[in-house]
Protein backbone atom coordinates (compact mmCIF):
# COMPACT_ATOMS: atom_id res chain seq x y z
CA MET A 1 -30.70 19.72 14.93
CA SER A 2 -34.02 18.40 13.59
CA ILE A 3 -34.69 14.73 12.88
CA ALA A 4 -34.97 15.44 9.16
CA ARG A 5 -31.60 17.22 9.14
CA SER A 6 -29.98 14.38 11.13
CA GLU A 7 -31.31 11.83 8.65
CA SER A 8 -29.98 13.93 5.79
CA VAL A 9 -26.49 14.07 7.33
CA VAL A 10 -26.50 10.30 7.94
CA TRP A 11 -27.61 9.66 4.36
CA GLN A 12 -24.87 11.92 2.97
CA ARG A 13 -22.19 10.13 5.01
CA ALA A 14 -23.49 6.73 3.93
CA TRP A 15 -23.45 7.87 0.30
CA LEU A 16 -19.87 9.07 0.58
CA ARG A 17 -18.75 5.78 2.17
CA SER A 18 -20.55 3.76 -0.49
CA ALA A 19 -19.05 5.83 -3.30
CA ALA A 20 -15.55 5.50 -1.82
CA LEU A 21 -15.90 1.72 -1.86
CA LEU A 22 -17.84 1.13 -5.09
CA LEU A 23 -15.99 3.45 -7.47
CA PRO A 24 -12.58 1.78 -6.98
CA LEU A 25 -14.24 -1.63 -7.42
CA LEU A 26 -15.75 -0.36 -10.68
CA VAL A 27 -12.28 0.64 -11.85
CA VAL A 28 -10.98 -2.84 -11.04
CA ALA A 29 -13.85 -4.52 -12.90
CA LEU A 30 -13.35 -2.36 -15.99
CA LEU A 31 -9.61 -2.98 -15.92
CA VAL A 32 -10.06 -6.76 -15.79
CA ALA A 33 -12.74 -6.77 -18.49
CA ALA A 34 -10.71 -4.58 -20.85
CA ASN A 35 -7.53 -6.63 -20.47
CA TRP A 36 -8.80 -10.17 -19.90
CA GLY A 37 -6.89 -11.65 -22.84
CA LEU A 38 -3.67 -10.05 -21.66
CA ILE A 39 -4.21 -11.26 -18.07
CA ASN A 40 -4.86 -14.80 -19.31
CA SER A 41 -1.63 -14.85 -21.34
CA SER A 42 0.31 -13.35 -18.44
CA ALA A 43 -0.94 -16.01 -16.02
CA GLY A 44 0.38 -18.68 -18.37
CA ARG A 45 3.78 -17.01 -18.47
CA LEU A 46 3.85 -16.80 -14.68
CA GLY A 47 3.24 -20.55 -14.56
CA GLU A 48 6.56 -21.01 -16.37
CA ALA A 49 8.48 -18.65 -14.08
CA ASP A 50 11.79 -19.50 -12.41
CA ARG A 51 10.99 -21.09 -9.03
CA LEU A 52 14.19 -19.89 -7.35
CA TRP A 53 13.41 -16.27 -8.13
CA LEU A 54 9.83 -16.74 -6.94
CA THR A 55 11.21 -18.13 -3.68
CA ALA A 56 13.44 -15.07 -3.38
CA SER A 57 10.39 -12.86 -3.89
CA GLY A 58 8.71 -14.69 -1.00
CA GLY A 59 11.71 -13.96 1.22
CA ALA A 60 11.51 -10.27 0.31
CA ALA A 61 7.78 -10.32 1.09
CA PHE A 62 8.54 -11.70 4.56
CA MET A 63 11.03 -8.88 5.10
CA THR A 64 8.28 -6.32 4.44
CA TRP A 65 6.59 -7.45 7.66
CA VAL A 66 9.89 -7.28 9.54
CA CYS A 67 10.45 -3.73 8.28
CA SER A 68 6.89 -2.77 9.20
CA ALA A 69 7.38 -4.10 12.73
CA THR A 70 10.69 -2.24 13.03
CA ALA A 71 9.12 1.05 11.95
CA GLN A 72 6.19 0.55 14.34
CA GLN A 73 8.59 -0.03 17.25
CA GLY A 74 10.44 3.11 16.25
CA ALA A 75 7.20 5.11 16.43
CA VAL A 76 6.71 4.52 20.19
CA VAL A 77 8.98 5.09 23.18
CA GLU A 78 7.80 1.97 25.02
CA THR A 79 9.42 -1.37 24.16
CA LEU A 80 6.95 -3.69 22.42
CA PRO A 81 7.27 -7.52 22.47
CA PRO A 82 9.09 -8.23 19.17
CA GLY A 83 7.54 -11.62 18.37
CA ARG A 84 3.97 -10.46 18.94
CA LEU A 85 4.68 -7.21 17.11
CA LEU A 86 5.86 -9.14 14.04
CA ALA A 87 2.82 -11.46 14.22
CA THR A 88 0.60 -8.38 14.42
CA GLN A 89 2.11 -6.97 11.20
CA PHE A 90 1.46 -10.29 9.47
CA ALA A 91 -2.14 -10.30 10.69
CA ALA A 92 -2.55 -6.62 9.79
CA SER A 93 -1.49 -7.34 6.22
CA ALA A 94 -4.36 -9.85 5.93
CA ALA A 95 -6.86 -7.38 7.40
CA ASN A 96 -5.53 -4.73 5.05
CA HIS A 97 -6.71 -6.73 2.04
CA VAL A 98 -10.33 -6.54 3.18
CA LEU A 99 -10.92 -2.87 4.00
CA PRO A 100 -9.93 0.18 1.91
CA ALA A 101 -7.02 2.59 2.37
CA GLY A 102 -5.25 0.60 5.08
CA VAL A 103 -8.20 0.73 7.51
CA GLY A 104 -7.97 -2.96 8.40
CA GLY A 105 -4.23 -2.98 9.04
CA ASN A 106 -4.38 0.23 11.05
CA ALA A 107 -7.25 -1.13 13.16
CA VAL A 108 -5.21 -4.24 14.03
CA ASN A 109 -2.14 -2.19 14.95
CA LEU A 110 -4.27 0.23 16.94
CA ARG A 111 -5.74 -2.62 19.00
CA PHE A 112 -2.23 -4.01 19.59
CA LEU A 113 -0.89 -0.68 20.86
CA LEU A 114 -3.91 -0.17 23.11
CA ARG A 115 -3.42 -3.65 24.58
CA HIS A 116 0.15 -2.72 25.46
CA GLY A 117 -0.65 0.34 27.49
CA LEU A 118 -0.70 3.26 25.06
CA SER A 119 -3.56 5.75 25.22
CA PRO A 120 -5.91 6.02 22.22
CA THR A 121 -4.43 9.39 21.20
CA ARG A 122 -0.84 8.17 21.44
CA SER A 123 -1.70 4.95 19.60
CA VAL A 124 -3.21 6.83 16.68
CA ALA A 125 -0.26 9.24 16.75
CA ALA A 126 2.17 6.29 16.58
CA LEU A 127 0.37 4.94 13.51
CA ALA A 128 0.49 8.37 11.89
CA VAL A 129 4.20 8.76 12.62
CA ARG A 130 4.97 5.35 11.11
CA ALA A 131 2.84 6.09 8.03
CA CYS A 132 4.58 9.44 7.52
CA ALA A 133 8.01 7.81 7.83
CA THR A 134 7.03 5.21 5.22
CA VAL A 135 5.70 7.83 2.80
CA ILE A 136 8.80 9.99 3.24
CA GLY A 137 11.01 6.92 2.82
CA ARG A 138 9.25 6.02 -0.43
CA LEU A 139 9.61 9.56 -1.78
CA VAL A 140 13.28 9.71 -0.79
CA LEU A 141 13.99 6.39 -2.52
CA LEU A 142 12.08 7.54 -5.61
CA ALA A 143 14.04 10.79 -5.76
CA VAL A 144 17.35 8.94 -5.38
CA VAL A 145 16.50 6.37 -8.08
CA LEU A 146 15.22 8.94 -10.59
CA THR A 147 18.21 11.18 -9.95
CA SER A 148 20.68 8.32 -10.30
CA PHE A 149 18.91 6.77 -13.32
CA PRO A 150 17.07 9.58 -15.14
CA GLY A 151 16.33 7.33 -18.13
CA ALA A 152 14.75 4.52 -16.11
CA LEU A 153 11.20 5.40 -17.21
CA HIS A 154 10.03 6.58 -20.63
CA ILE A 155 6.43 7.81 -20.75
CA ARG A 156 6.42 7.80 -24.57
CA ARG A 157 6.43 3.99 -24.54
CA VAL A 158 2.81 4.20 -23.37
CA THR A 159 1.63 7.43 -25.00
CA THR A 160 2.93 6.66 -28.50
CA GLY A 161 1.26 3.28 -28.69
CA GLY A 162 4.42 1.25 -28.24
CA SER A 163 2.72 -0.78 -25.51
CA ASP A 164 0.40 -3.75 -25.91
CA VAL A 165 -1.63 -2.63 -22.89
CA PRO A 166 -4.89 -1.36 -24.41
CA ALA A 167 -6.56 1.83 -23.28
CA HIS A 168 -10.25 1.96 -22.32
CA PRO A 169 -12.32 5.19 -22.27
CA LEU A 170 -14.62 3.94 -19.51
CA LEU A 171 -11.61 3.08 -17.37
CA ILE A 172 -10.24 6.60 -17.74
CA ALA A 173 -13.65 8.06 -16.85
CA ALA A 174 -13.92 5.81 -13.80
CA VAL A 175 -10.47 6.85 -12.57
CA ALA A 176 -11.44 10.52 -12.95
CA ALA A 177 -14.66 9.87 -10.99
CA VAL A 178 -12.73 8.23 -8.16
CA VAL A 179 -10.32 11.17 -7.94
CA LEU A 180 -13.18 13.71 -7.89
CA ALA A 181 -15.15 11.75 -5.28
CA GLY A 182 -12.07 11.44 -3.08
CA GLY A 183 -11.35 15.15 -3.30
CA TYR A 184 -14.96 16.00 -2.40
CA ALA A 185 -14.94 13.64 0.59
CA LEU A 186 -11.65 15.05 1.89
CA THR A 187 -12.99 18.60 1.62
CA ARG A 188 -16.13 17.78 3.60
CA CYS A 189 -14.22 15.91 6.30
CA ALA A 190 -11.61 18.65 6.69
CA ARG A 191 -14.27 21.28 7.43
CA ARG A 192 -15.94 19.21 10.15
CA MET A 193 -12.82 17.92 11.90
CA ARG A 194 -10.55 20.96 11.88
CA ALA A 195 -10.37 21.31 15.69
CA ARG A 196 -9.76 17.60 16.23
CA VAL A 197 -7.05 17.57 13.60
CA ARG A 198 -5.24 20.45 15.31
CA ALA A 199 -5.25 18.66 18.68
CA PHE A 200 -4.10 15.43 17.07
CA LEU A 201 -1.23 17.14 15.23
CA ALA A 202 -0.11 18.72 18.51
CA SER A 203 0.02 15.25 20.08
CA VAL A 204 1.97 13.89 17.12
CA ALA A 205 4.48 16.74 17.34
CA THR A 206 5.06 16.00 21.05
CA ASP A 207 5.64 12.31 20.38
CA VAL A 208 8.00 13.02 17.49
CA ARG A 209 10.14 15.31 19.65
CA THR A 210 10.32 12.62 22.34
CA LEU A 211 11.20 9.87 19.86
CA HIS A 212 13.98 11.86 18.24
CA GLY A 213 15.74 12.06 21.58
CA ASN A 214 16.26 8.30 21.41
CA ARG A 215 18.81 7.14 18.82
CA ALA A 216 17.54 3.56 18.76
CA ARG A 217 14.01 4.74 17.99
CA ILE A 218 15.27 7.09 15.27
CA ALA A 219 17.13 4.23 13.59
CA ALA A 220 14.14 1.88 13.85
CA LEU A 221 11.60 4.43 12.59
CA TRP A 222 13.51 5.80 9.62
CA GLY A 223 15.34 2.57 8.83
CA GLY A 224 12.06 0.67 8.76
CA GLY A 225 10.37 3.48 6.84
CA LEU A 226 13.04 3.32 4.12
CA ALA A 227 13.36 -0.47 4.04
CA PHE A 228 9.62 -1.18 3.81
CA PRO A 229 9.10 0.20 0.26
CA ALA A 230 12.56 -1.07 -0.71
CA MET A 231 11.54 -4.64 0.17
CA HIS A 232 8.32 -4.31 -1.80
CA ALA A 233 10.38 -3.13 -4.76
CA ALA A 234 12.66 -6.14 -4.22
CA VAL A 235 9.62 -8.42 -4.54
CA VAL A 236 8.81 -6.90 -7.95
CA VAL A 237 12.45 -7.17 -9.04
CA ALA A 238 12.56 -10.87 -8.10
CA VAL A 239 9.30 -11.60 -9.93
CA MET A 240 10.51 -9.74 -13.02
CA GLN A 241 13.62 -11.91 -12.97
CA ALA A 242 11.44 -14.99 -12.54
CA VAL A 243 9.47 -14.22 -15.72
CA HIS A 244 12.76 -13.52 -17.58
CA SER A 245 12.07 -9.87 -18.33
CA PRO A 246 15.14 -7.91 -19.52
CA VAL A 247 14.17 -4.66 -17.74
CA PRO A 248 17.06 -3.27 -15.61
CA VAL A 249 16.70 -3.37 -11.84
CA SER A 250 16.77 0.44 -11.68
CA GLY A 251 13.79 0.63 -14.02
CA VAL A 252 11.80 -1.92 -12.01
CA VAL A 253 12.51 -0.15 -8.72
CA ALA A 254 11.57 3.24 -10.19
CA ALA A 255 8.41 1.74 -11.67
CA TYR A 256 7.28 0.28 -8.35
CA LEU A 257 8.00 3.45 -6.38
CA CYS A 258 6.14 5.62 -8.91
CA ALA A 259 3.18 3.23 -9.08
CA SER A 260 2.86 2.78 -5.30
CA THR A 261 3.04 6.54 -4.76
CA ALA A 262 0.29 7.15 -7.32
CA ALA A 263 -1.89 4.26 -6.07
CA GLY A 264 -1.85 5.67 -2.55
CA TRP A 265 -4.41 8.28 -3.65
CA LEU A 266 -7.07 5.65 -4.44
CA PRO A 267 -8.86 4.02 -1.44
CA THR A 268 -8.87 0.40 -2.60
CA PRO A 269 -8.08 -2.49 -0.21
CA ALA A 270 -4.27 -2.84 -0.12
CA GLY A 271 -4.15 -0.95 -3.43
CA LEU A 272 -5.91 -3.79 -5.26
CA GLY A 273 -6.68 -2.63 -8.77
CA SER A 274 -5.16 0.83 -8.40
CA LEU A 275 -1.62 -0.38 -7.68
CA ASP A 276 -1.97 -3.20 -10.20
CA ALA A 277 -2.92 -0.88 -13.06
CA ALA A 278 -0.33 1.74 -12.13
CA LEU A 279 2.41 -0.87 -11.77
CA VAL A 280 1.67 -2.46 -15.15
CA LEU A 281 1.88 0.94 -16.87
CA ALA A 282 5.02 1.90 -14.93
CA LEU A 283 6.77 -1.36 -15.85
CA VAL A 284 5.86 -0.80 -19.49
CA THR A 285 7.47 2.65 -19.33
CA ALA A 286 10.56 0.93 -17.91
CA GLY A 287 10.76 -1.28 -21.01
CA ALA A 288 8.72 -4.39 -20.18
CA SER A 289 6.17 -5.85 -22.57
CA GLY A 290 2.54 -5.81 -21.54
CA VAL A 291 2.55 -9.58 -20.93
CA ALA A 292 5.73 -9.46 -18.83
CA ALA A 293 4.49 -6.49 -16.81
CA THR A 294 1.13 -8.14 -16.12
CA SER A 295 2.85 -11.42 -15.19
CA ALA A 296 5.07 -9.54 -12.73
CA VAL A 297 2.06 -7.87 -11.11
CA LEU A 298 0.25 -11.19 -10.82
CA GLY A 299 3.35 -12.73 -9.21
CA TYR A 300 3.72 -9.75 -6.88
CA ARG A 301 0.11 -10.17 -5.75
CA LEU A 302 0.60 -13.91 -5.35
CA VAL A 303 3.45 -13.63 -2.84
CA THR A 304 2.30 -10.48 -1.01
CA THR A 305 -1.48 -10.95 -0.95
CA TRP A 306 -3.00 -14.30 -1.90
CA LEU A 307 -0.56 -16.84 -0.42
CA PRO A 308 -0.23 -15.06 2.99
CA LEU A 309 -3.96 -14.28 3.22
CA ILE A 310 -5.27 -17.45 4.93
CA PRO A 311 -2.24 -17.80 7.28
CA GLY A 312 -2.59 -14.11 8.11
CA VAL A 313 -6.27 -14.53 9.00
CA MET A 314 -5.37 -17.52 11.20
CA VAL A 315 -2.70 -15.49 13.03
CA LEU A 316 -5.22 -12.66 13.44
CA ALA A 317 -7.71 -15.09 15.01
CA LEU A 318 -5.06 -16.43 17.40
CA LEU A 319 -4.02 -12.94 18.48
CA VAL A 320 -7.65 -12.09 19.23
CA ARG A 321 -8.20 -15.37 21.06
CA TYR A 322 -5.17 -14.85 23.32
CA ARG A 323 -6.16 -11.19 23.95
CA GLN A 324 -3.23 -9.63 22.16
CA LEU A 325 -5.69 -7.54 20.13
């Protein structure tokens, strides 16, 4: 390959990485600018929220890390130290808020598994198995909720103008650009990494067969995979109760599961911006006002992202210092 061709390939990859990072940030900026008045009013309402319910939301947020640790243990045959595994999930959540599409959290977990004797291939396979269990768990919960409560969400509350969440043409265009850029990037990567993907999937299949011969690992993997999104939904339910929104619990749970499933397609750090916008719209379809829905999302971010961020970074630094990562 010539030098000019090599430089062209490097430039194309750099352009794709830059676009993957900048386009979601553009969506977030447009969303905030278009709804600043609503966000300001919602922050005031959150300041008057019920403190007991906010405390309950913090407890549910803590359980998300417990569920994540349980699912990660279920994804490997070897027994991992439970205390350090839980601390790693807490640190990974902080790292996940810095890099897009879960890269930070996966990097922390990968380092932890490597430190505890797993090979690089098996470590990556374990992360993939846990991620698949979580996605399947979320889809199963969503199917159960929508089947049990078919009237939980009503799209016409948004499409007919019954919502006080304003639309923005530039925001819609930016979302479309992100989706197109993501599809293009996935297509290019799939062509170049086909052989590696096949070998990796073979390794994953071997590990899955081994794991499913162990009942304890089955329970940990699928129990954690189901409980993880359920605990996140419980955080939103508690915050909705804290801001005194009359939306039924079934509607809130369905709204979170729909929003988190949709936001998973956009590579923003920890779903920042993409999950927020999707969750506001989903809560509105469940019957919340725009102010209540935005207040709930702000509260959700407060207990799952901003309050644990500095402690999570400190735990991450300690794990690195004591060679656990």
